[in-house]
């Protein structure tokens, strides 16, 4: 609301915040930019915003892997495309997926299991456990209903390899996803010394509907979500996308799928 009609200020915010070290902050700034862009009726103002988004997000050699950040940036570009004010020389194909990224080195399951046995990590380890992850049951809600469900949108086959025959498709490896999420939670700076006492004081489990709306979430859960959104973006660049509609094999076009 504050920035509606002020796309040039939204552009300045994108420019100033794009390199901060908290991916959630950057994602939210791009979400605001998308909201401003779809409401902007002045082509000159929208042109300022789209040039900044193009320069920051899509023009670099590697596109930051975060599926929501990319989607919000894509919305800005589409708004400019619809109003005929894309930057000079930029076409629609230039900002469509797949994007340029490097597949990261992900911990092995054995290394992830060893790390997760450290004191203070039990709640996180349980949260990210997929349904059939450890072979002994005891999955976590995030691991099964969020992480595993999201990653089923990709096959466990690289885009550089042929699409598997019908009946031979296998979803992205949930244990790889689990290892990545734990690795990123640690990499983003979560430690028991910093956050365990705070998180232990939070109300846990399912609350009444009126209480759920005001529920304080774990810092580690925030980091789990960041890790998942990063992994989805990486998978969209490097692995075959699965279309769940009949037998169609549609390429990945955006997070709405």
Protein backbone atom coordinates (compact mmCIF):
# COMPACT_ATOMS: atom_id res chain seq x y z
CA UNK A 1 0.00 0.00 0.00
CA UNK A 2 2.79 2.39 0.87
CA UNK A 3 4.58 1.82 -2.43
CA UNK A 4 1.60 1.60 -4.78
CA UNK A 5 2.22 4.14 -7.52
CA UNK A 6 5.83 4.51 -6.40
CA UNK A 7 7.54 1.81 -8.46
CA UNK A 8 10.76 3.81 -8.62
CA UNK A 9 11.06 3.55 -4.81
CA UNK A 10 10.38 -0.19 -4.98
CA UNK A 11 13.25 -0.35 -7.47
CA UNK A 12 15.55 1.35 -4.98
CA UNK A 13 14.57 -1.13 -2.26
CA UNK A 14 15.30 -4.08 -4.55
CA UNK A 15 18.67 -2.56 -5.41
CA UNK A 16 19.64 -1.90 -1.80
CA UNK A 17 18.41 -5.17 -0.27
CA UNK A 18 19.24 -7.73 -2.95
CA UNK A 19 22.61 -8.65 -1.49
CA UNK A 20 21.63 -8.93 2.18
CA UNK A 21 22.50 -12.29 3.73
CA UNK A 22 18.96 -13.33 4.69
CA UNK A 23 17.17 -14.94 1.70
CA UNK A 24 13.78 -14.44 3.36
CA UNK A 25 14.27 -10.66 3.42
CA UNK A 26 15.22 -10.63 -0.27
CA UNK A 27 12.21 -12.80 -1.15
CA UNK A 28 9.84 -10.46 0.69
CA UNK A 29 11.29 -7.37 -1.01
CA UNK A 30 10.73 -9.01 -4.41
CA UNK A 31 7.19 -9.95 -3.33
CA UNK A 32 6.51 -6.27 -2.66
CA UNK A 33 8.05 -5.36 -6.02
CA UNK A 34 5.72 -7.84 -7.76
CA UNK A 35 2.69 -6.37 -6.00
CA UNK A 36 3.74 -2.87 -7.02
CA UNK A 37 4.42 -3.91 -10.62
CA UNK A 38 1.02 -5.46 -11.31
CA UNK A 39 -0.68 -2.27 -10.03
CA UNK A 40 1.58 0.25 -11.75
CA UNK A 41 -0.10 2.06 -14.65
CA UNK A 42 2.72 4.45 -15.54
CA UNK A 43 5.09 2.84 -18.01
CA UNK A 44 8.04 5.09 -17.11
CA UNK A 45 7.82 4.19 -13.42
CA UNK A 46 7.38 0.50 -14.16
CA UNK A 47 10.33 0.74 -16.53
CA UNK A 48 12.60 1.84 -13.69
CA UNK A 49 11.55 -1.14 -11.56
CA UNK A 50 11.87 -3.73 -14.31
CA UNK A 51 15.36 -2.52 -15.27
CA UNK A 52 16.48 -3.01 -11.66
CA UNK A 53 14.91 -6.46 -11.39
CA UNK A 54 16.43 -7.51 -14.70
CA UNK A 55 19.88 -6.25 -13.70
CA UNK A 56 19.78 -7.80 -10.24
CA UNK A 57 17.96 -11.09 -10.78
CA UNK A 58 18.03 -12.38 -14.34
CA UNK A 59 20.96 -10.72 -16.09
CA UNK A 60 23.82 -12.09 -13.90
CA UNK A 61 25.70 -15.18 -15.05
CA UNK A 62 24.03 -17.25 -12.30
CA UNK A 63 20.44 -16.66 -11.16
CA UNK A 64 19.97 -16.88 -7.40
CA UNK A 65 18.28 -20.21 -6.58
CA UNK A 66 15.07 -19.45 -4.69
CA UNK A 67 11.83 -20.48 -6.35
CA UNK A 68 9.64 -17.76 -4.82
CA UNK A 69 12.14 -14.95 -5.33
CA UNK A 70 12.42 -15.93 -8.99
CA UNK A 71 8.64 -16.12 -9.34
CA UNK A 72 8.13 -12.63 -7.93
CA UNK A 73 10.86 -11.27 -10.20
CA UNK A 74 9.22 -13.06 -13.15
CA UNK A 75 5.94 -11.31 -12.29
CA UNK A 76 7.66 -7.92 -12.52
CA UNK A 77 9.09 -8.83 -15.91
CA UNK A 78 5.72 -10.11 -17.18
CA UNK A 79 4.02 -6.90 -16.07
CA UNK A 80 6.53 -4.92 -18.08
CA UNK A 81 6.14 -7.25 -21.06
CA UNK A 82 2.35 -6.80 -21.03
CA UNK A 83 2.76 -2.99 -21.02
CA UNK A 84 5.53 -2.88 -23.57
CA UNK A 85 8.30 -1.53 -21.35
CA UNK A 86 10.85 -4.33 -21.08
CA UNK A 87 14.47 -3.12 -21.07
CA UNK A 88 15.97 -2.62 -24.51
CA UNK A 89 17.07 -5.89 -26.05
CA UNK A 90 15.33 -8.09 -23.43
CA UNK A 91 12.79 -10.59 -24.70
CA UNK A 92 10.35 -12.82 -22.85
CA UNK A 93 12.61 -15.81 -23.44
CA UNK A 94 15.45 -14.09 -21.58
CA UNK A 95 13.72 -14.30 -18.19
CA UNK A 96 11.91 -17.63 -18.50
CA UNK A 97 13.13 -20.85 -16.82
CA UNK A 98 15.21 -22.90 -16.72
CA UNK A 99 17.72 -20.53 -15.21
CA UNK A 100 21.46 -20.71 -14.78
CA UNK A 101 22.69 -22.22 -11.51
CA UNK A 102 25.28 -24.65 -10.18
CA UNK A 103 24.15 -27.84 -8.51
CA UNK A 104 25.62 -27.74 -4.98
CA UNK A 105 27.63 -30.37 -3.18
CA UNK A 106 25.12 -31.94 -0.78
CA UNK A 107 26.00 -33.92 2.32
CA UNK A 108 25.68 -37.67 2.07
CA UNK A 109 22.92 -39.29 4.13
CA UNK A 110 25.58 -40.79 6.43
CA UNK A 111 27.16 -37.40 7.09
CA UNK A 112 23.76 -35.85 7.62
CA UNK A 113 22.83 -38.55 10.15
CA UNK A 114 26.07 -38.06 12.05
CA UNK A 115 25.59 -34.31 12.17
CA UNK A 116 21.98 -34.67 13.32
CA UNK A 117 23.06 -36.63 16.39
CA UNK A 118 24.71 -33.57 17.86
CA UNK A 119 23.15 -32.18 21.00
CA UNK A 120 20.36 -29.70 20.37
CA UNK A 121 19.42 -30.84 16.87
CA UNK A 122 16.78 -33.46 17.73
CA UNK A 123 13.70 -31.34 17.00
CA UNK A 124 14.99 -30.23 13.60
CA UNK A 125 16.06 -33.75 12.65
CA UNK A 126 12.60 -35.09 13.48
CA UNK A 127 10.87 -32.26 11.63
CA UNK A 128 12.65 -32.90 8.31
CA UNK A 129 12.38 -36.71 8.34
CA UNK A 130 10.54 -37.96 5.22
CA UNK A 131 8.02 -40.77 5.41
CA UNK A 132 10.41 -43.59 4.55
CA UNK A 133 13.62 -41.81 5.44
CA UNK A 134 15.21 -43.66 8.31
CA UNK A 135 13.63 -47.05 7.76
CA UNK A 136 12.15 -47.14 11.24
CA UNK A 137 9.19 -44.82 10.84
CA UNK A 138 8.66 -41.60 12.74
CA UNK A 139 8.45 -39.03 9.97
CA UNK A 140 8.12 -35.31 10.65
CA UNK A 141 5.22 -33.21 9.36
CA UNK A 142 7.55 -30.87 7.46
CA UNK A 143 9.54 -33.78 6.07
CA UNK A 144 6.54 -35.69 4.77
CA UNK A 145 3.78 -33.18 4.06
CA UNK A 146 5.90 -30.24 2.91
CA UNK A 147 9.42 -31.17 1.79
CA UNK A 148 8.58 -34.57 0.30
CA UNK A 149 5.33 -33.34 -1.23
CA UNK A 150 7.03 -30.37 -2.91
CA UNK A 151 9.95 -32.37 -4.26
CA UNK A 152 7.66 -34.93 -5.90
CA UNK A 153 7.27 -32.32 -8.62
CA UNK A 154 10.67 -33.41 -9.93
CA UNK A 155 12.02 -36.73 -11.08
CA UNK A 156 15.30 -38.15 -9.85
CA UNK A 157 16.66 -37.74 -13.38
CA UNK A 158 18.79 -34.87 -14.66
CA UNK A 159 17.53 -32.75 -17.55
CA UNK A 160 20.68 -33.71 -19.44
CA UNK A 161 19.45 -37.33 -19.45
CA UNK A 162 16.45 -38.74 -21.38
CA UNK A 163 13.04 -38.57 -19.76
CA UNK A 164 12.32 -42.06 -18.35
CA UNK A 165 9.75 -44.35 -19.86
CA UNK A 166 6.30 -44.50 -18.38
CA UNK A 167 6.29 -46.69 -15.28
CA UNK A 168 10.01 -46.11 -14.68
CA UNK A 169 9.71 -42.63 -13.19
CA UNK A 170 11.00 -42.05 -9.67
CA UNK A 171 10.56 -38.87 -7.67
CA UNK A 172 13.47 -36.79 -6.46
CA UNK A 173 15.33 -38.58 -3.67
CA UNK A 174 13.79 -37.49 -0.37
CA UNK A 175 16.98 -38.37 1.53
CA UNK A 176 18.94 -35.95 -0.64
CA UNK A 177 16.33 -33.32 0.12
CA UNK A 178 16.59 -34.09 3.82
CA UNK A 179 20.38 -33.78 3.79
CA UNK A 180 20.20 -30.49 1.92
CA UNK A 181 17.70 -28.97 4.34
CA UNK A 182 19.77 -29.92 7.38
CA UNK A 183 22.94 -28.69 5.69
CA UNK A 184 21.34 -25.33 4.87
CA UNK A 185 19.81 -24.86 8.34
CA UNK A 186 23.34 -25.18 9.70
CA UNK A 187 24.81 -23.07 6.91
CA UNK A 188 22.34 -20.24 7.51
CA UNK A 189 23.63 -19.98 11.06
CA UNK A 190 21.31 -21.99 13.30
CA UNK A 191 23.06 -23.39 16.37
CA UNK A 192 21.70 -24.66 19.69
CA UNK A 193 23.73 -21.99 21.49
CA UNK A 194 21.98 -19.22 19.57
CA UNK A 195 18.42 -20.46 19.28
CA UNK A 196 17.63 -23.61 21.26
CA UNK A 197 16.54 -21.85 24.45
CA UNK A 198 14.28 -19.49 22.50
CA UNK A 199 12.70 -22.30 20.48
CA UNK A 200 12.14 -24.46 23.54
CA UNK A 201 10.03 -21.68 25.04
CA UNK A 202 7.68 -21.57 22.05
CA UNK A 203 4.32 -23.28 22.16
CA UNK A 204 4.58 -26.53 20.23
CA UNK A 205 2.10 -28.76 18.44
CA UNK A 206 -1.35 -28.00 17.08
CA UNK A 207 -3.11 -25.01 18.66
CA UNK A 208 -6.65 -23.67 18.42
CA UNK A 209 -7.38 -21.88 15.13
CA UNK A 210 -7.38 -18.45 16.78
CA UNK A 211 -4.02 -19.24 18.41
CA UNK A 212 -2.47 -20.65 15.23
CA UNK A 213 -2.83 -17.24 13.54
CA UNK A 214 -0.55 -15.64 16.13
CA UNK A 215 1.77 -18.60 16.63
CA UNK A 216 5.47 -17.84 16.86
CA UNK A 217 7.46 -20.14 14.61
CA UNK A 218 10.91 -21.62 15.13
CA UNK A 219 13.88 -19.82 13.59
CA UNK A 220 14.97 -23.26 12.40
CA UNK A 221 11.60 -23.72 10.65
CA UNK A 222 12.19 -20.45 8.81
CA UNK A 223 15.55 -21.82 7.70
CA UNK A 224 13.92 -25.11 6.66
CA UNK A 225 11.58 -23.20 4.37
CA UNK A 226 14.45 -21.19 2.87
CA UNK A 227 16.36 -24.41 2.20
CA UNK A 228 13.34 -26.01 0.53
CA UNK A 229 12.67 -23.01 -1.70
CA UNK A 230 16.32 -23.01 -2.73
CA UNK A 231 16.24 -26.73 -3.50
CA UNK A 232 13.09 -26.39 -5.60
CA UNK A 233 14.77 -23.70 -7.68
CA UNK A 234 17.87 -25.83 -8.17
CA UNK A 235 15.77 -28.85 -9.11
CA UNK A 236 13.85 -26.79 -11.66
CA UNK A 237 17.15 -25.94 -13.35
CA UNK A 238 18.72 -29.40 -13.28
CA UNK A 239 16.02 -32.11 -13.05
CA UNK A 240 13.02 -33.16 -15.12
CA UNK A 241 9.76 -31.59 -14.01
CA UNK A 242 6.75 -33.84 -13.50
CA UNK A 243 3.41 -32.80 -14.90
CA UNK A 244 0.65 -34.51 -12.90
CA UNK A 245 -1.97 -33.85 -15.58
CA UNK A 246 -2.67 -37.00 -17.55
CA UNK A 247 0.39 -38.07 -19.54
CA UNK A 248 1.58 -34.61 -20.55
CA UNK A 249 5.25 -33.76 -20.13
CA UNK A 250 5.18 -30.01 -19.77
CA UNK A 251 8.42 -28.16 -19.01
CA UNK A 252 8.73 -26.17 -15.80
CA UNK A 253 7.41 -22.67 -16.36
CA UNK A 254 6.94 -21.27 -12.86
CA UNK A 255 6.12 -21.85 -9.21
CA UNK A 256 2.35 -21.81 -9.87
CA UNK A 257 2.68 -25.32 -11.33
